[in-house]
Amino acid sequence: MTMVLGEATRQLLGSSRPVSWVNTAYPFAAAYLLSGGGLTAELVIGTLFFLIPYNLLMYGINDVFDYESDLRNPRKGGIEGIVLSDRWHGVTLWASGLLALPFVVALVAFGDLVSTLVLAVTLAAVVGYSAPRIRLKERPVLDSMTSSTHFVGPAAFGLALADGAWTVTAAASLVAFFLWGMASQAFGAVQDVTADREAGIGSIATVLGTATTVRVAIGLYAAAGVVMVLAGWPGVLAGLLAIPYILSILPFRSLPDDRCEEANAGWRRFLWLNMLTGFALTMLFLWIGLRG
């Protein structure tokens, strides 16, 4: 029994992508605090929710319904996600839903109509991305938009839960974040063009091709940086953080489809860039907080 429980825990933990936990918890906590929220129960519960249960829900559903394609994906099995054993598919679906439920109930109780609607849209994007029949991840362009919502949603929810003002700065920040998320998902899809086409899976990259998708991603990163001009000083400085992402994927701008796997080097660099960017944003937020 102990061995079974241990294996189930390892599978669930691996499916939740621990390396990505901060990517959803951080936007919520930062937005909540910058919007006037304090060290409250809402902050603690919301951060814990977007740290683990939210990621298990998002990636667990994905791993269950992407099982067949994951078996053929050489990237699976490491930092970019496990191949979830089919033995644990049912457990994963139940665990992801049941673990998230009490947090969702509490956050709805803490919030109002606006925050509840934002949370509902965010969770719908999480489920709809991978769930059978809906499968937004296989609908070109919608795949990038939905994936971006996975990360912008927690930030928007943090703003709404703190009852923060929807200022030009807040709107510019969310729009820039959304464009950044679309760019990141699009570039991430480039490395799987060949495998996805062979499996009959659609994506923004299978439709546009590798080179065009990379160029679209570059444009989206650049647009994200430009939009931050509307945030005013010193928020505009966050726009400069788009530059490392552009430079990172620029070498792949003419990559042919039959060499799409080479983009994985850029994707792995992207994972490390996120950590450096998160640190830089934290320093900027602290500066803004001290000035305020």
Protein backbone atom coordinates (compact mmCIF):
# COMPACT_ATOMS: atom_id res chain seq x y z
CA MET A 1 0.00 0.00 0.00
CA THR A 2 2.80 2.38 0.91
CA MET A 3 4.56 1.69 -2.38
CA VAL A 4 1.36 2.29 -4.34
CA LEU A 5 0.70 5.56 -2.51
CA GLY A 6 4.29 6.64 -3.07
CA GLU A 7 4.10 5.90 -6.80
CA ALA A 8 0.78 7.73 -7.12
CA THR A 9 2.26 10.75 -5.34
CA ARG A 10 5.31 10.76 -7.62
CA GLN A 11 3.12 10.55 -10.71
CA LEU A 12 0.82 13.35 -9.55
CA LEU A 13 3.74 15.52 -8.52
CA GLY A 14 5.52 14.98 -11.82
CA SER A 15 2.35 15.68 -13.77
CA SER A 16 1.90 19.02 -11.99
CA ARG A 17 5.24 20.30 -13.44
CA PRO A 18 6.90 21.64 -10.24
CA VAL A 19 9.29 23.75 -12.33
CA SER A 20 6.27 25.71 -13.56
CA TRP A 21 4.43 26.22 -10.27
CA VAL A 22 5.82 29.71 -9.76
CA ASN A 23 4.63 30.77 -13.24
CA THR A 24 1.01 30.84 -12.05
CA ALA A 25 1.34 31.53 -8.32
CA TYR A 26 3.63 34.51 -8.82
CA PRO A 27 1.33 36.47 -11.19
CA PHE A 28 -1.58 36.05 -8.76
CA ALA A 29 0.36 37.10 -5.66
CA ALA A 30 2.08 40.01 -7.40
CA ALA A 31 -1.16 41.34 -8.89
CA TYR A 32 -3.01 40.95 -5.59
CA LEU A 33 -0.38 42.82 -3.59
CA LEU A 34 0.21 45.54 -6.20
CA SER A 35 -3.56 46.10 -6.39
CA GLY A 36 -3.79 46.96 -2.71
CA GLY A 37 -4.31 43.54 -1.16
CA GLY A 38 -2.43 42.77 2.04
CA LEU A 39 -1.18 39.73 3.90
CA THR A 40 -4.61 38.16 4.09
CA ALA A 41 -6.21 34.74 3.98
CA GLU A 42 -7.14 35.49 0.37
CA LEU A 43 -3.46 35.94 -0.52
CA VAL A 44 -2.37 32.74 1.21
CA ILE A 45 -5.18 30.55 -0.14
CA GLY A 46 -4.97 32.03 -3.63
CA THR A 47 -1.20 31.62 -3.81
CA LEU A 48 -1.38 28.02 -2.59
CA PHE A 49 -4.12 27.28 -5.11
CA PHE A 50 -2.23 28.69 -8.08
CA LEU A 51 0.98 27.06 -6.86
CA ILE A 52 -0.05 23.38 -6.83
CA PRO A 53 -3.75 22.48 -7.32
CA TYR A 54 -4.12 24.76 -10.34
CA ASN A 55 -1.06 23.27 -12.02
CA LEU A 56 -2.14 19.71 -11.30
CA LEU A 57 -5.54 20.52 -12.80
CA MET A 58 -4.00 22.13 -15.87
CA TYR A 59 -1.21 19.69 -16.61
CA GLY A 60 -2.92 16.60 -15.20
CA ILE A 61 -5.81 16.87 -17.63
CA ASN A 62 -3.32 17.53 -20.40
CA ASP A 63 -1.22 14.47 -19.54
CA VAL A 64 -4.25 12.18 -19.44
CA PHE A 65 -5.68 13.20 -22.79
CA ASP A 66 -2.31 13.67 -24.51
CA TYR A 67 -1.07 10.25 -23.43
CA GLU A 68 -0.79 8.72 -26.91
CA SER A 69 1.11 11.66 -28.37
CA ASP A 70 3.30 11.96 -25.25
CA LEU A 71 4.46 8.37 -25.78
CA ARG A 72 5.93 9.47 -29.13
CA ASN A 73 7.34 12.76 -27.85
CA PRO A 74 11.09 12.54 -27.11
CA ARG A 75 10.90 15.68 -24.96
CA LYS A 76 8.74 13.97 -22.35
CA GLY A 77 10.26 12.38 -19.30
CA GLY A 78 12.30 15.28 -17.92
CA ILE A 79 11.93 18.93 -17.02
CA GLU A 80 9.32 19.40 -19.75
CA GLY A 81 6.90 16.91 -18.25
CA ILE A 82 6.47 13.21 -17.60
CA VAL A 83 4.63 10.58 -19.56
CA LEU A 84 1.84 9.90 -17.08
CA SER A 85 1.30 6.15 -16.75
CA ASP A 86 -2.17 5.16 -17.95
CA ARG A 87 -2.53 3.31 -14.66
CA TRP A 88 -2.93 6.66 -12.93
CA HIS A 89 -5.16 8.49 -15.40
CA GLY A 90 -8.35 8.06 -13.39
CA VAL A 91 -6.62 8.94 -10.14
CA THR A 92 -5.11 12.05 -11.74
CA LEU A 93 -8.46 13.35 -12.98
CA TRP A 94 -10.14 12.76 -9.61
CA ALA A 95 -7.21 14.14 -7.60
CA SER A 96 -6.88 17.27 -9.72
CA GLY A 97 -10.57 18.07 -9.38
CA LEU A 98 -10.94 17.24 -5.69
CA LEU A 99 -7.75 19.07 -4.69
CA ALA A 100 -8.83 22.22 -6.52
CA LEU A 101 -12.45 22.21 -5.31
CA PRO A 102 -12.05 23.51 -1.73
CA PHE A 103 -9.73 26.27 -2.89
CA VAL A 104 -12.15 27.35 -5.60
CA VAL A 105 -15.07 27.38 -3.14
CA ALA A 106 -13.05 29.51 -0.69
CA LEU A 107 -11.91 31.97 -3.37
CA VAL A 108 -15.45 32.38 -4.67
CA ALA A 109 -16.62 33.04 -1.11
CA PHE A 110 -13.89 35.64 -0.60
CA GLY A 111 -14.62 37.43 -3.87
CA ASP A 112 -17.47 39.12 -5.69
CA LEU A 113 -19.18 38.71 -9.05
CA VAL A 114 -16.28 40.16 -11.05
CA SER A 115 -13.59 38.02 -9.42
CA THR A 116 -15.79 34.93 -9.71
CA LEU A 117 -16.29 35.53 -13.43
CA VAL A 118 -12.54 35.99 -13.94
CA LEU A 119 -11.86 32.76 -12.05
CA ALA A 120 -14.53 30.92 -14.05
CA VAL A 121 -13.00 32.02 -17.37
CA THR A 122 -9.54 31.03 -16.17
CA LEU A 123 -10.67 27.55 -15.09
CA ALA A 124 -12.68 27.09 -18.29
CA ALA A 125 -9.51 27.81 -20.28
CA VAL A 126 -7.59 25.26 -18.20
CA VAL A 127 -10.14 22.50 -18.79
CA GLY A 128 -11.00 23.43 -22.37
CA TYR A 129 -7.38 23.41 -23.49
CA SER A 130 -7.03 19.63 -23.23
CA ALA A 131 -10.48 18.13 -22.60
CA PRO A 132 -11.90 15.83 -25.30
CA ARG A 133 -14.09 17.39 -28.02
CA ILE A 134 -13.20 20.94 -26.95
CA ARG A 135 -9.41 20.53 -27.32
CA LEU A 136 -8.59 24.21 -27.76
CA LYS A 137 -4.92 23.24 -27.90
CA GLU A 138 -5.60 21.77 -31.35
CA ARG A 139 -7.30 24.87 -32.71
CA PRO A 140 -4.67 27.14 -34.32
CA VAL A 141 -4.36 30.63 -32.79
CA LEU A 142 -6.94 29.71 -30.15
CA ASP A 143 -4.27 27.39 -28.76
CA SER A 144 -1.95 30.32 -28.11
CA MET A 145 -4.71 32.52 -26.74
CA THR A 146 -6.00 29.83 -24.38
CA SER A 147 -2.53 28.92 -23.16
CA SER A 148 -1.79 32.56 -22.44
CA THR A 149 -5.01 32.79 -20.43
CA HIS A 150 -3.64 30.07 -18.15
CA PHE A 151 -1.03 32.52 -16.88
CA VAL A 152 -2.73 35.90 -17.32
CA GLY A 153 -5.89 34.58 -15.65
CA PRO A 154 -4.30 34.27 -12.19
CA ALA A 155 -2.98 37.83 -12.46
CA ALA A 156 -6.37 39.18 -13.54
CA PHE A 157 -8.00 37.24 -10.71
CA GLY A 158 -5.52 38.70 -8.21
CA LEU A 159 -6.43 42.19 -9.37
CA ALA A 160 -10.16 41.46 -9.16
CA LEU A 161 -9.94 39.71 -5.78
CA ALA A 162 -8.08 42.66 -4.27
CA ASP A 163 -10.77 44.94 -5.70
CA GLY A 164 -8.04 46.85 -7.47
CA ALA A 165 -8.67 49.65 -9.93
CA TRP A 166 -8.66 48.68 -13.61
CA THR A 167 -6.30 51.51 -14.56
CA VAL A 168 -4.45 52.05 -17.83
CA THR A 169 -1.32 50.70 -16.14
CA ALA A 170 -3.11 47.55 -15.00
CA ALA A 171 -4.72 47.03 -18.41
CA ALA A 172 -1.44 47.59 -20.27
CA SER A 173 0.34 45.12 -17.98
CA LEU A 174 -2.29 42.43 -18.53
CA VAL A 175 -2.37 42.96 -22.31
CA ALA A 176 1.43 42.85 -22.50
CA PHE A 177 1.45 39.69 -20.38
CA PHE A 178 -1.17 38.15 -22.68
CA LEU A 179 0.90 38.91 -25.79
CA TRP A 180 3.99 37.49 -24.10
CA GLY A 181 2.04 34.33 -23.26
CA MET A 182 0.84 33.91 -26.84
CA ALA A 183 4.38 34.35 -28.13
CA SER A 184 5.73 31.79 -25.69
CA GLN A 185 3.11 29.17 -26.53
CA ALA A 186 3.59 29.69 -30.26
CA PHE A 187 7.33 29.26 -30.03
CA GLY A 188 6.89 26.22 -27.80
CA ALA A 189 4.73 24.62 -30.49
CA VAL A 190 7.45 25.02 -33.13
CA GLN A 191 9.58 22.16 -31.81
CA ASP A 192 6.66 19.71 -32.23
CA VAL A 193 5.62 20.58 -35.79
CA THR A 194 6.74 17.30 -37.34
CA ALA A 195 5.41 15.10 -34.52
CA ASP A 196 2.10 16.98 -34.40
CA ARG A 197 1.56 16.74 -38.15
CA GLU A 198 2.29 13.00 -38.10
CA ALA A 199 -0.19 12.57 -35.25
CA GLY A 200 -2.82 14.72 -36.97
CA ILE A 201 -2.67 17.36 -34.23
CA GLY A 202 -3.25 20.97 -35.21
CA SER A 203 -1.48 23.99 -33.72
CA ILE A 204 -0.55 27.50 -34.70
CA ALA A 205 2.86 26.12 -35.74
CA THR A 206 1.53 23.27 -37.89
CA VAL A 207 -0.57 25.78 -39.83
CA LEU A 208 1.97 28.59 -40.20
CA GLY A 209 5.13 26.49 -40.31
CA THR A 210 8.20 26.84 -38.14
CA ALA A 211 9.84 29.94 -39.60
CA THR A 212 6.64 31.97 -39.81
CA THR A 213 5.58 30.95 -36.31
CA VAL A 214 8.92 32.02 -34.88
CA ARG A 215 8.58 35.39 -36.61
CA VAL A 216 5.05 35.78 -35.27
CA ALA A 217 6.38 35.02 -31.79
CA ILE A 218 9.09 37.66 -32.22
CA GLY A 219 6.42 40.16 -33.25
CA LEU A 220 4.25 39.30 -30.26
CA TYR A 221 7.16 39.69 -27.85
CA ALA A 222 7.98 43.05 -29.42
CA ALA A 223 4.34 44.14 -29.18
CA ALA A 224 4.29 43.16 -25.50
CA GLY A 225 7.28 45.39 -24.88
CA VAL A 226 5.74 48.31 -26.76
CA VAL A 227 2.40 48.03 -24.94
CA MET A 228 4.21 48.50 -21.64
CA VAL A 229 4.94 52.08 -22.71
CA LEU A 230 1.33 52.78 -21.72
CA ALA A 231 2.09 51.65 -18.17
CA GLY A 232 4.10 54.79 -17.52
CA TRP A 233 7.20 55.14 -15.38
CA PRO A 234 8.65 52.93 -13.95
CA GLY A 235 6.36 50.17 -15.29
CA VAL A 236 7.65 50.86 -18.79
CA LEU A 237 10.93 49.27 -17.74
CA ALA A 238 9.19 45.87 -17.70
CA GLY A 239 8.87 46.21 -21.47
CA LEU A 240 12.63 45.85 -21.78
CA LEU A 241 12.31 42.29 -20.49
CA ALA A 242 10.90 41.30 -23.88
CA ILE A 243 14.32 41.84 -25.46
CA PRO A 244 16.04 38.70 -24.06
CA TYR A 245 13.16 36.56 -25.34
CA ILE A 246 13.42 38.08 -28.80
CA LEU A 247 17.18 37.55 -28.90
CA SER A 248 16.75 33.98 -27.64
CA ILE A 249 14.46 32.87 -30.48
CA LEU A 250 15.86 35.11 -33.23
CA PRO A 251 18.30 32.41 -34.48
CA PHE A 252 15.31 30.20 -35.37
CA ARG A 253 13.54 32.77 -37.57
CA SER A 254 14.40 30.85 -40.76
CA LEU A 255 14.27 27.32 -39.35
CA PRO A 256 12.76 24.87 -41.87
CA ASP A 257 9.98 22.53 -40.84
CA ASP A 258 12.08 19.39 -41.13
CA ARG A 259 14.50 20.75 -38.51
CA CYS A 260 11.85 21.98 -36.09
CA GLU A 261 13.26 19.89 -33.21
CA GLU A 262 16.27 22.21 -33.10
CA ALA A 263 13.99 24.85 -31.56
CA ASN A 264 14.03 22.79 -28.36
CA ALA A 265 17.33 24.46 -27.48
CA GLY A 266 15.53 27.81 -27.53
CA TRP A 267 12.67 26.39 -25.47
CA ARG A 268 15.02 25.13 -22.78
CA ARG A 269 16.64 28.56 -22.74
CA PHE A 270 13.15 30.03 -22.36
CA LEU A 271 12.60 28.05 -19.14
CA TRP A 272 15.71 29.58 -17.59
CA LEU A 273 14.88 33.04 -18.92
CA ASN A 274 11.62 32.90 -16.99
CA MET A 275 13.52 32.60 -13.72
CA LEU A 276 15.76 35.56 -14.53
CA THR A 277 12.78 37.60 -15.70
CA GLY A 278 10.87 36.75 -12.53
CA PHE A 279 13.78 38.02 -10.45
CA ALA A 280 13.98 41.25 -12.46
CA LEU A 281 10.24 41.80 -12.14
CA THR A 282 10.42 41.23 -8.39
CA MET A 283 13.09 43.89 -8.08
CA LEU A 284 10.95 46.26 -10.16
CA PHE A 285 7.86 45.54 -8.04
CA LEU A 286 9.81 46.17 -4.84
CA TRP A 287 11.02 49.46 -6.25
CA ILE A 288 7.49 50.46 -7.21
CA GLY A 289 6.27 49.46 -3.77
CA LEU A 290 8.96 51.46 -1.99
CA ARG A 291 8.26 54.51 -4.16
CA GLY A 292 4.56 54.20 -3.39
